[in-house]
Amino acid sequence: MALFTHKTLQFVRAPDENVFIAPFNLIEIFFLVLPFEWWLPSTTYEHLNNKVMGIIYSPLLLLTAFLETRAAHKVIHNRRRGEADDDAVEEWEVFERREFLGEGWEERVEVARPNVEDEAAVLEVKALRKEVRKLEGLVQRLVDGEEKGKGKEDS
């Protein structure tokens, strides 16, 4: 698995070093690429691009840093009091305190689980054999019923 991941990541890369996420890519196109990229020297354009990225992304990064720091302070405070790191109860934890395993969850999973041990053709043949056995039983009962009917008519 690790070799496959390594091989995949070798061929996956960003198209360039300065990637603007949407909708900031519009700023890149209309205010950087079209007016400046074609005539500015590459080092000057890279410097301008880095400055614009810094201006655009700094508020987002500052907000993220603030939220992460606040969450870290809550964790430290809770650990000092001997509580769990995050004592906030989430919506999915409160939702009727459902016990999925007690509600037939295992049966639902078992029904939906694919059979990977046998080939699909083998499973089809097994299903057809069951149906043939049922048909044989029905035909046998029909034949037995006709024989009994003939026996009654003869007497």
N, C-alpha and C. Protein backbone atom coordinates (compact mmCIF):
# COMPACT_ATOMS: atom_id res chain seq x y z
N MET A 1 0.83 -1.19 0.00
CA MET A 1 0.00 0.00 0.00
C MET A 1 0.88 1.25 0.00
N ALA A 2 1.94 1.23 0.80
CA ALA A 2 2.83 2.39 0.87
C ALA A 2 3.53 2.61 -0.46
N LEU A 3 3.91 1.53 -1.13
CA LEU A 3 4.56 1.67 -2.43
C LEU A 3 3.61 2.27 -3.46
N PHE A 4 2.37 1.82 -3.43
CA PHE A 4 1.37 2.37 -4.34
C PHE A 4 1.16 3.86 -4.08
N THR A 5 1.07 4.23 -2.81
CA THR A 5 0.89 5.64 -2.45
C THR A 5 2.08 6.46 -2.91
N HIS A 6 3.27 5.95 -2.67
CA HIS A 6 4.47 6.67 -3.08
C HIS A 6 4.50 6.86 -4.60
N LYS A 7 4.15 5.81 -5.32
CA LYS A 7 4.15 5.87 -6.77
C LYS A 7 3.12 6.88 -7.27
N THR A 8 1.96 6.91 -6.63
CA THR A 8 0.92 7.85 -7.03
C THR A 8 1.35 9.28 -6.76
N LEU A 9 1.91 9.52 -5.59
CA LEU A 9 2.31 10.87 -5.22
C LEU A 9 3.48 11.39 -6.06
N GLN A 10 4.24 10.51 -6.65
CA GLN A 10 5.32 10.95 -7.53
C GLN A 10 4.77 11.70 -8.74
N PHE A 11 3.60 11.30 -9.20
CA PHE A 11 3.05 11.87 -10.42
C PHE A 11 2.00 12.94 -10.16
N VAL A 12 1.63 13.16 -8.91
CA VAL A 12 0.64 14.17 -8.58
C VAL A 12 1.37 15.38 -8.01
N ARG A 13 1.14 16.53 -8.61
CA ARG A 13 1.75 17.75 -8.10
C ARG A 13 0.86 18.91 -8.51
N ALA A 14 1.07 20.03 -7.86
CA ALA A 14 0.34 21.24 -8.23
C ALA A 14 0.85 21.74 -9.57
N PRO A 15 0.00 22.40 -10.34
CA PRO A 15 0.44 22.87 -11.65
C PRO A 15 1.54 23.93 -11.57
N ASP A 16 1.56 24.71 -10.52
CA ASP A 16 2.66 25.64 -10.31
C ASP A 16 2.79 25.88 -8.80
N GLU A 17 3.76 26.66 -8.41
CA GLU A 17 4.00 26.85 -6.98
C GLU A 17 3.01 27.82 -6.37
N ASN A 18 2.51 28.75 -7.13
CA ASN A 18 1.60 29.77 -6.61
C ASN A 18 0.18 29.42 -7.01
N VAL A 19 -0.48 28.64 -6.18
CA VAL A 19 -1.82 28.18 -6.48
C VAL A 19 -2.82 29.04 -5.72
N PHE A 20 -3.69 29.69 -6.43
CA PHE A 20 -4.76 30.48 -5.83
C PHE A 20 -6.01 29.61 -5.79
N ILE A 21 -6.64 29.53 -4.63
CA ILE A 21 -7.88 28.77 -4.54
C ILE A 21 -9.03 29.64 -5.04
N ALA A 22 -10.10 28.99 -5.47
CA ALA A 22 -11.26 29.74 -5.93
C ALA A 22 -11.88 30.47 -4.75
N PRO A 23 -12.34 31.64 -4.89
CA PRO A 23 -12.48 32.55 -6.02
C PRO A 23 -11.25 33.44 -6.22
N PHE A 24 -10.20 33.21 -5.43
CA PHE A 24 -9.00 34.04 -5.55
C PHE A 24 -8.27 33.83 -6.87
N ASN A 25 -8.57 32.73 -7.55
CA ASN A 25 -7.93 32.52 -8.85
C ASN A 25 -8.40 33.56 -9.87
N LEU A 26 -9.58 34.14 -9.65
CA LEU A 26 -10.02 35.23 -10.52
C LEU A 26 -9.14 36.46 -10.35
N ILE A 27 -8.75 36.72 -9.10
CA ILE A 27 -7.82 37.83 -8.85
C ILE A 27 -6.51 37.56 -9.57
N GLU A 28 -6.05 36.32 -9.48
CA GLU A 28 -4.80 35.98 -10.16
C GLU A 28 -4.90 36.22 -11.66
N ILE A 29 -5.99 35.75 -12.25
CA ILE A 29 -6.12 35.86 -13.71
C ILE A 29 -6.23 37.32 -14.16
N PHE A 30 -7.16 38.07 -13.53
CA PHE A 30 -7.45 39.42 -14.02
C PHE A 30 -6.49 40.50 -13.53
N PHE A 31 -5.86 40.28 -12.37
CA PHE A 31 -5.00 41.33 -11.82
C PHE A 31 -3.52 40.98 -11.80
N LEU A 32 -3.18 39.73 -12.14
CA LEU A 32 -1.76 39.35 -12.19
C LEU A 32 -1.35 38.81 -13.55
N VAL A 33 -2.02 37.77 -13.99
CA VAL A 33 -1.59 37.09 -15.22
C VAL A 33 -1.76 37.98 -16.44
N LEU A 34 -2.99 38.45 -16.65
CA LEU A 34 -3.25 39.24 -17.87
C LEU A 34 -2.45 40.54 -17.93
N PRO A 35 -2.41 41.34 -16.85
CA PRO A 35 -1.68 42.60 -17.00
C PRO A 35 -0.16 42.50 -16.84
N PHE A 36 0.35 41.51 -16.08
CA PHE A 36 1.77 41.55 -15.73
C PHE A 36 2.62 40.39 -16.22
N GLU A 37 2.07 39.20 -16.30
CA GLU A 37 2.91 38.03 -16.54
C GLU A 37 3.63 38.09 -17.89
N TRP A 38 3.01 38.60 -18.87
CA TRP A 38 3.56 38.56 -20.22
C TRP A 38 4.73 39.52 -20.44
N TRP A 39 4.87 40.56 -19.63
CA TRP A 39 5.97 41.50 -19.87
C TRP A 39 6.92 41.68 -18.70
N LEU A 40 6.52 41.29 -17.49
CA LEU A 40 7.42 41.43 -16.34
C LEU A 40 8.47 40.33 -16.36
N PRO A 41 9.68 40.62 -15.93
CA PRO A 41 10.66 39.53 -15.77
C PRO A 41 10.15 38.52 -14.74
N SER A 42 10.52 37.26 -14.91
CA SER A 42 9.95 36.19 -14.08
C SER A 42 10.23 36.40 -12.59
N THR A 43 11.41 36.87 -12.23
CA THR A 43 11.70 37.08 -10.80
C THR A 43 10.84 38.19 -10.22
N THR A 44 10.63 39.26 -10.98
CA THR A 44 9.78 40.36 -10.51
C THR A 44 8.33 39.89 -10.42
N TYR A 45 7.89 39.12 -11.41
CA TYR A 45 6.52 38.61 -11.38
C TYR A 45 6.32 37.67 -10.19
N GLU A 46 7.28 36.81 -9.91
CA GLU A 46 7.18 35.91 -8.75
C GLU A 46 7.10 36.71 -7.46
N HIS A 47 7.89 37.77 -7.35
CA HIS A 47 7.88 38.62 -6.16
C HIS A 47 6.51 39.28 -6.00
N LEU A 48 5.96 39.83 -7.09
CA LEU A 48 4.63 40.44 -7.07
C LEU A 48 3.57 39.41 -6.71
N ASN A 49 3.67 38.23 -7.29
CA ASN A 49 2.72 37.15 -7.02
C ASN A 49 2.76 36.77 -5.54
N ASN A 50 3.94 36.65 -4.96
CA ASN A 50 4.07 36.31 -3.54
C ASN A 50 3.47 37.39 -2.66
N LYS A 51 3.66 38.65 -3.02
CA LYS A 51 3.08 39.76 -2.24
C LYS A 51 1.55 39.71 -2.28
N VAL A 52 1.00 39.48 -3.47
CA VAL A 52 -0.46 39.42 -3.60
C VAL A 52 -1.01 38.23 -2.82
N MET A 53 -0.34 37.09 -2.90
CA MET A 53 -0.78 35.92 -2.13
C MET A 53 -0.73 36.20 -0.63
N GLY A 54 0.31 36.88 -0.19
CA GLY A 54 0.41 37.23 1.23
C GLY A 54 -0.72 38.13 1.68
N ILE A 55 -1.07 39.10 0.85
CA ILE A 55 -2.16 40.01 1.19
C ILE A 55 -3.50 39.28 1.20
N ILE A 56 -3.72 38.42 0.23
CA ILE A 56 -5.00 37.71 0.13
C ILE A 56 -5.16 36.67 1.24
N TYR A 57 -4.12 35.89 1.47
CA TYR A 57 -4.25 34.77 2.40
C TYR A 57 -3.98 35.12 3.86
N SER A 58 -3.36 36.24 4.15
CA SER A 58 -3.02 36.55 5.54
C SER A 58 -4.25 36.66 6.44
N PRO A 59 -5.37 37.29 6.03
CA PRO A 59 -6.54 37.30 6.93
C PRO A 59 -7.06 35.89 7.22
N LEU A 60 -7.09 35.04 6.20
CA LEU A 60 -7.56 33.67 6.41
C LEU A 60 -6.64 32.90 7.35
N LEU A 61 -5.34 33.08 7.16
CA LEU A 61 -4.38 32.38 8.01
C LEU A 61 -4.43 32.90 9.45
N LEU A 62 -4.61 34.22 9.61
CA LEU A 62 -4.73 34.78 10.97
C LEU A 62 -5.99 34.27 11.66
N LEU A 63 -7.10 34.21 10.95
CA LEU A 63 -8.33 33.68 11.53
C LEU A 63 -8.16 32.22 11.92
N THR A 64 -7.56 31.43 11.05
CA THR A 64 -7.32 30.02 11.36
C THR A 64 -6.41 29.87 12.56
N ALA A 65 -5.36 30.67 12.63
CA ALA A 65 -4.44 30.61 13.77
C ALA A 65 -5.16 30.98 15.06
N PHE A 66 -6.03 31.99 15.02
CA PHE A 66 -6.79 32.38 16.20
C PHE A 66 -7.69 31.25 16.67
N LEU A 67 -8.44 30.65 15.76
CA LEU A 67 -9.36 29.56 16.14
C LEU A 67 -8.60 28.35 16.67
N GLU A 68 -7.50 27.99 16.05
CA GLU A 68 -6.71 26.85 16.51
C GLU A 68 -6.09 27.12 17.87
N THR A 69 -5.62 28.34 18.09
CA THR A 69 -5.04 28.69 19.39
C THR A 69 -6.09 28.65 20.47
N ARG A 70 -7.28 29.16 20.18
CA ARG A 70 -8.37 29.13 21.16
C ARG A 70 -8.74 27.69 21.52
N ALA A 71 -8.82 26.82 20.51
CA ALA A 71 -9.12 25.41 20.78
C ALA A 71 -8.02 24.77 21.60
N ALA A 72 -6.76 25.10 21.32
CA ALA A 72 -5.64 24.54 22.09
C ALA A 72 -5.69 25.00 23.54
N HIS A 73 -6.05 26.26 23.77
CA HIS A 73 -6.16 26.76 25.15
C HIS A 73 -7.29 26.03 25.90
N LYS A 74 -8.39 25.73 25.22
CA LYS A 74 -9.48 24.98 25.85
C LYS A 74 -9.01 23.59 26.25
N VAL A 75 -8.25 22.94 25.38
CA VAL A 75 -7.74 21.60 25.68
C VAL A 75 -6.81 21.65 26.88
N ILE A 76 -5.91 22.62 26.91
CA ILE A 76 -4.98 22.75 28.05
C ILE A 76 -5.74 23.00 29.33
N HIS A 77 -6.75 23.88 29.28
CA HIS A 77 -7.56 24.19 30.47
C HIS A 77 -8.30 22.94 30.95
N ASN A 78 -8.88 22.17 30.02
CA ASN A 78 -9.60 20.96 30.40
C ASN A 78 -8.65 19.91 30.98
N ARG A 79 -7.46 19.79 30.45
CA ARG A 79 -6.50 18.82 30.98
C ARG A 79 -6.07 19.20 32.39
N ARG A 80 -5.93 20.49 32.66
CA ARG A 80 -5.55 20.92 34.01
C ARG A 80 -6.63 20.56 35.02
N ARG A 81 -7.90 20.60 34.59
CA ARG A 81 -9.00 20.25 35.49
C ARG A 81 -9.27 18.75 35.50
N GLY A 82 -8.52 17.99 34.70
CA GLY A 82 -8.68 16.54 34.68
C GLY A 82 -9.83 16.06 33.82
N GLU A 83 -10.32 16.90 32.96
CA GLU A 83 -11.44 16.52 32.09
C GLU A 83 -10.92 16.06 30.73
N ALA A 84 -11.84 15.63 29.90
CA ALA A 84 -11.47 15.22 28.54
C ALA A 84 -10.99 16.44 27.76
N ASP A 85 -10.20 16.18 26.73
CA ASP A 85 -9.66 17.28 25.93
C ASP A 85 -10.77 18.18 25.39
N ASP A 86 -11.78 17.57 24.84
CA ASP A 86 -12.88 18.34 24.26
C ASP A 86 -14.16 17.89 24.94
N ASP A 87 -14.62 18.68 25.91
CA ASP A 87 -15.81 18.27 26.65
C ASP A 87 -17.10 18.75 25.99
N ALA A 88 -17.02 19.31 24.82
CA ALA A 88 -18.22 19.72 24.09
C ALA A 88 -18.90 18.48 23.53
N VAL A 89 -20.20 18.39 23.74
CA VAL A 89 -20.96 17.26 23.23
C VAL A 89 -21.47 17.65 21.84
N GLU A 90 -21.12 16.87 20.86
CA GLU A 90 -21.50 17.17 19.48
C GLU A 90 -22.92 16.70 19.20
N GLU A 91 -23.48 17.21 18.12
CA GLU A 91 -24.86 16.91 17.76
C GLU A 91 -25.08 15.42 17.56
N TRP A 92 -24.13 14.77 16.89
CA TRP A 92 -24.31 13.34 16.61
C TRP A 92 -24.15 12.49 17.87
N GLU A 93 -23.54 13.04 18.92
CA GLU A 93 -23.42 12.31 20.17
C GLU A 93 -24.70 12.40 20.99
N VAL A 94 -25.41 13.50 20.84
CA VAL A 94 -26.62 13.73 21.62
C VAL A 94 -27.84 13.11 20.97
N PHE A 95 -27.83 13.00 19.67
CA PHE A 95 -29.00 12.60 18.90
C PHE A 95 -29.62 11.32 19.43
N GLU A 96 -30.53 11.47 20.35
CA GLU A 96 -31.33 10.40 20.95
C GLU A 96 -30.51 9.27 21.56
N ARG A 97 -29.22 9.47 21.72
CA ARG A 97 -28.35 8.44 22.32
C ARG A 97 -28.66 7.07 21.72
N ARG A 98 -28.73 7.00 20.43
CA ARG A 98 -29.09 5.77 19.74
C ARG A 98 -27.95 4.76 19.82
N GLU A 99 -28.33 3.54 20.01
CA GLU A 99 -27.38 2.44 20.01
C GLU A 99 -27.59 1.68 18.71
N PHE A 100 -26.74 1.94 17.74
CA PHE A 100 -26.94 1.35 16.42
C PHE A 100 -26.77 -0.16 16.43
N LEU A 101 -25.89 -0.67 17.26
CA LEU A 101 -25.68 -2.12 17.28
C LEU A 101 -26.90 -2.85 17.82
N GLY A 102 -27.69 -2.20 18.66
CA GLY A 102 -28.87 -2.83 19.23
C GLY A 102 -30.08 -2.76 18.34
N GLU A 103 -30.01 -2.07 17.23
CA GLU A 103 -31.17 -1.87 16.37
C GLU A 103 -31.09 -2.68 15.08
N GLY A 104 -30.44 -3.80 15.12
CA GLY A 104 -30.33 -4.62 13.93
C GLY A 104 -29.28 -4.13 12.96
N TRP A 105 -28.34 -3.37 13.47
CA TRP A 105 -27.29 -2.81 12.61
C TRP A 105 -26.45 -3.91 11.97
N GLU A 106 -26.11 -4.91 12.76
CA GLU A 106 -25.28 -6.00 12.24
C GLU A 106 -26.00 -6.75 11.12
N GLU A 107 -27.32 -6.94 11.27
CA GLU A 107 -28.07 -7.63 10.23
C GLU A 107 -28.10 -6.81 8.95
N ARG A 108 -28.26 -5.49 9.08
CA ARG A 108 -28.28 -4.63 7.90
C ARG A 108 -26.93 -4.66 7.18
N VAL A 109 -25.88 -4.64 7.96
CA VAL A 109 -24.54 -4.68 7.37
C VAL A 109 -24.32 -6.02 6.70
N GLU A 110 -24.75 -7.11 7.33
CA GLU A 110 -24.56 -8.44 6.77
C GLU A 110 -25.30 -8.60 5.45
N VAL A 111 -26.50 -8.03 5.35
CA VAL A 111 -27.27 -8.11 4.12
C VAL A 111 -26.60 -7.31 3.01
N ALA A 112 -26.05 -6.15 3.36
CA ALA A 112 -25.45 -5.27 2.35
C ALA A 112 -24.02 -5.65 2.00
N ARG A 113 -23.39 -6.48 2.80
CA ARG A 113 -21.99 -6.83 2.58
C ARG A 113 -21.86 -7.72 1.34
N PRO A 114 -20.99 -7.36 0.42
CA PRO A 114 -20.82 -8.20 -0.76
C PRO A 114 -20.01 -9.46 -0.44
N ASN A 115 -20.28 -10.51 -1.18
CA ASN A 115 -19.55 -11.76 -1.02
C ASN A 115 -18.33 -11.71 -1.93
N VAL A 116 -17.17 -11.53 -1.32
CA VAL A 116 -15.95 -11.42 -2.12
C VAL A 116 -15.19 -12.74 -2.18
N GLU A 117 -15.68 -13.74 -1.48
CA GLU A 117 -15.00 -15.03 -1.46
C GLU A 117 -15.32 -15.87 -2.69
N ASP A 118 -16.55 -15.75 -3.21
CA ASP A 118 -16.97 -16.53 -4.37
C ASP A 118 -17.12 -15.62 -5.58
N GLU A 119 -16.91 -16.20 -6.75
CA GLU A 119 -17.10 -15.47 -8.00
C GLU A 119 -18.59 -15.22 -8.21
N ALA A 120 -18.90 -14.19 -8.96
CA ALA A 120 -20.30 -13.85 -9.25
C ALA A 120 -20.97 -14.98 -10.03
N ALA A 121 -20.24 -15.61 -10.93
CA ALA A 121 -20.81 -16.71 -11.71
C ALA A 121 -21.16 -17.89 -10.82
N VAL A 122 -20.32 -18.17 -9.84
CA VAL A 122 -20.58 -19.28 -8.91
C VAL A 122 -21.84 -18.99 -8.10
N LEU A 123 -21.99 -17.75 -7.66
CA LEU A 123 -23.18 -17.39 -6.90
C LEU A 123 -24.44 -17.52 -7.75
N GLU A 124 -24.35 -17.13 -9.03
CA GLU A 124 -25.48 -17.27 -9.93
C GLU A 124 -25.85 -18.74 -10.12
N VAL A 125 -24.85 -19.60 -10.28
CA VAL A 125 -25.10 -21.03 -10.47
C VAL A 125 -25.76 -21.60 -9.22
N LYS A 126 -25.30 -21.19 -8.04
CA LYS A 126 -25.92 -21.68 -6.80
C LYS A 126 -27.37 -21.25 -6.71
N ALA A 127 -27.66 -20.00 -7.08
CA ALA A 127 -29.04 -19.51 -7.05
C ALA A 127 -29.89 -20.28 -8.06
N LEU A 128 -29.34 -20.55 -9.24
CA LEU A 128 -30.09 -21.32 -10.24
C LEU A 128 -30.35 -22.74 -9.76
N ARG A 129 -29.38 -23.36 -9.08
CA ARG A 129 -29.58 -24.72 -8.56
C ARG A 129 -30.72 -24.74 -7.56
N LYS A 130 -30.80 -23.73 -6.69
CA LYS A 130 -31.90 -23.67 -5.73
C LYS A 130 -33.24 -23.58 -6.46
N GLU A 131 -33.29 -22.74 -7.48
CA GLU A 131 -34.53 -22.60 -8.24
C GLU A 131 -34.90 -23.89 -8.96
N VAL A 132 -33.90 -24.60 -9.50
CA VAL A 132 -34.16 -25.88 -10.18
C VAL A 132 -34.70 -26.90 -9.19
N ARG A 133 -34.13 -26.94 -7.98
CA ARG A 133 -34.63 -27.87 -6.95
C ARG A 133 -36.08 -27.56 -6.61
N LYS A 134 -36.42 -26.27 -6.51
CA LYS A 134 -37.81 -25.90 -6.23
C LYS A 134 -38.73 -26.37 -7.36
N LEU A 135 -38.28 -26.14 -8.59
CA LEU A 135 -39.08 -26.58 -9.73
C LEU A 135 -39.23 -28.09 -9.77
N GLU A 136 -38.15 -28.82 -9.46
CA GLU A 136 -38.24 -30.28 -9.41
C GLU A 136 -39.26 -30.72 -8.37
N GLY A 137 -39.24 -30.05 -7.22
CA GLY A 137 -40.21 -30.39 -6.17
C GLY A 137 -41.64 -30.12 -6.62
N LEU A 138 -41.85 -28.98 -7.28
CA LEU A 138 -43.20 -28.66 -7.77
C LEU A 138 -43.66 -29.66 -8.83
N VAL A 139 -42.76 -30.00 -9.75
CA VAL A 139 -43.12 -30.97 -10.80
C VAL A 139 -43.40 -32.33 -10.18
N GLN A 140 -42.60 -32.73 -9.19
CA GLN A 140 -42.82 -34.03 -8.54
C GLN A 140 -44.18 -34.05 -7.84
N ARG A 141 -44.52 -32.96 -7.16
CA ARG A 141 -45.84 -32.92 -6.50
C ARG A 141 -46.96 -32.95 -7.52
N LEU A 142 -46.75 -32.29 -8.65
CA LEU A 142 -47.76 -32.28 -9.71
C LEU A 142 -47.93 -33.69 -10.29
N VAL A 143 -46.81 -34.38 -10.52
CA VAL A 143 -46.86 -35.75 -11.05
C VAL A 143 -47.52 -36.67 -10.03
N ASP A 144 -47.16 -36.54 -8.76
CA ASP A 144 -47.77 -37.37 -7.72
C ASP A 144 -49.26 -37.10 -7.62
N GLY A 145 -49.66 -35.85 -7.78
CA GLY A 145 -51.09 -35.50 -7.74
C GLY A 145 -51.84 -36.10 -8.90
N GLU A 146 -51.25 -36.13 -10.08
CA GLU A 146 -51.90 -36.72 -11.25
C GLU A 146 -52.03 -38.23 -11.09
N GLU A 147 -50.99 -38.86 -10.53
CA GLU A 147 -51.04 -40.31 -10.33
C GLU A 147 -52.13 -40.67 -9.32
N LYS A 148 -52.28 -39.88 -8.28
CA LYS A 148 -53.33 -40.14 -7.29
C LYS A 148 -54.70 -39.92 -7.92
N GLY A 149 -54.79 -38.91 -8.79
CA GLY A 149 -56.06 -38.64 -9.47
C GLY A 149 -56.44 -39.77 -10.41
N LYS A 150 -55.47 -40.37 -11.09
CA LYS A 150 -55.74 -41.49 -11.98
C LYS A 150 -56.14 -42.71 -11.18
N GLY A 151 -55.51 -42.88 -10.03
CA GLY A 151 -55.84 -44.03 -9.20
C GLY A 151 -57.27 -43.96 -8.70
N LYS A 152 -57.76 -42.78 -8.41
CA LYS A 152 -59.13 -42.62 -7.94
C LYS A 152 -60.12 -42.84 -9.08
N GLU A 153 -59.76 -42.41 -10.29
CA GLU A 153 -60.65 -42.58 -11.43
C GLU A 153 -60.79 -44.05 -11.80
N ASP A 154 -59.70 -44.84 -11.62
CA ASP A 154 -59.72 -46.24 -11.97
C ASP A 154 -60.59 -47.04 -11.02
N SER A 155 -60.73 -46.63 -9.79
CA SER A 155 -61.49 -47.45 -8.87
C SER A 155 -62.95 -47.26 -8.92
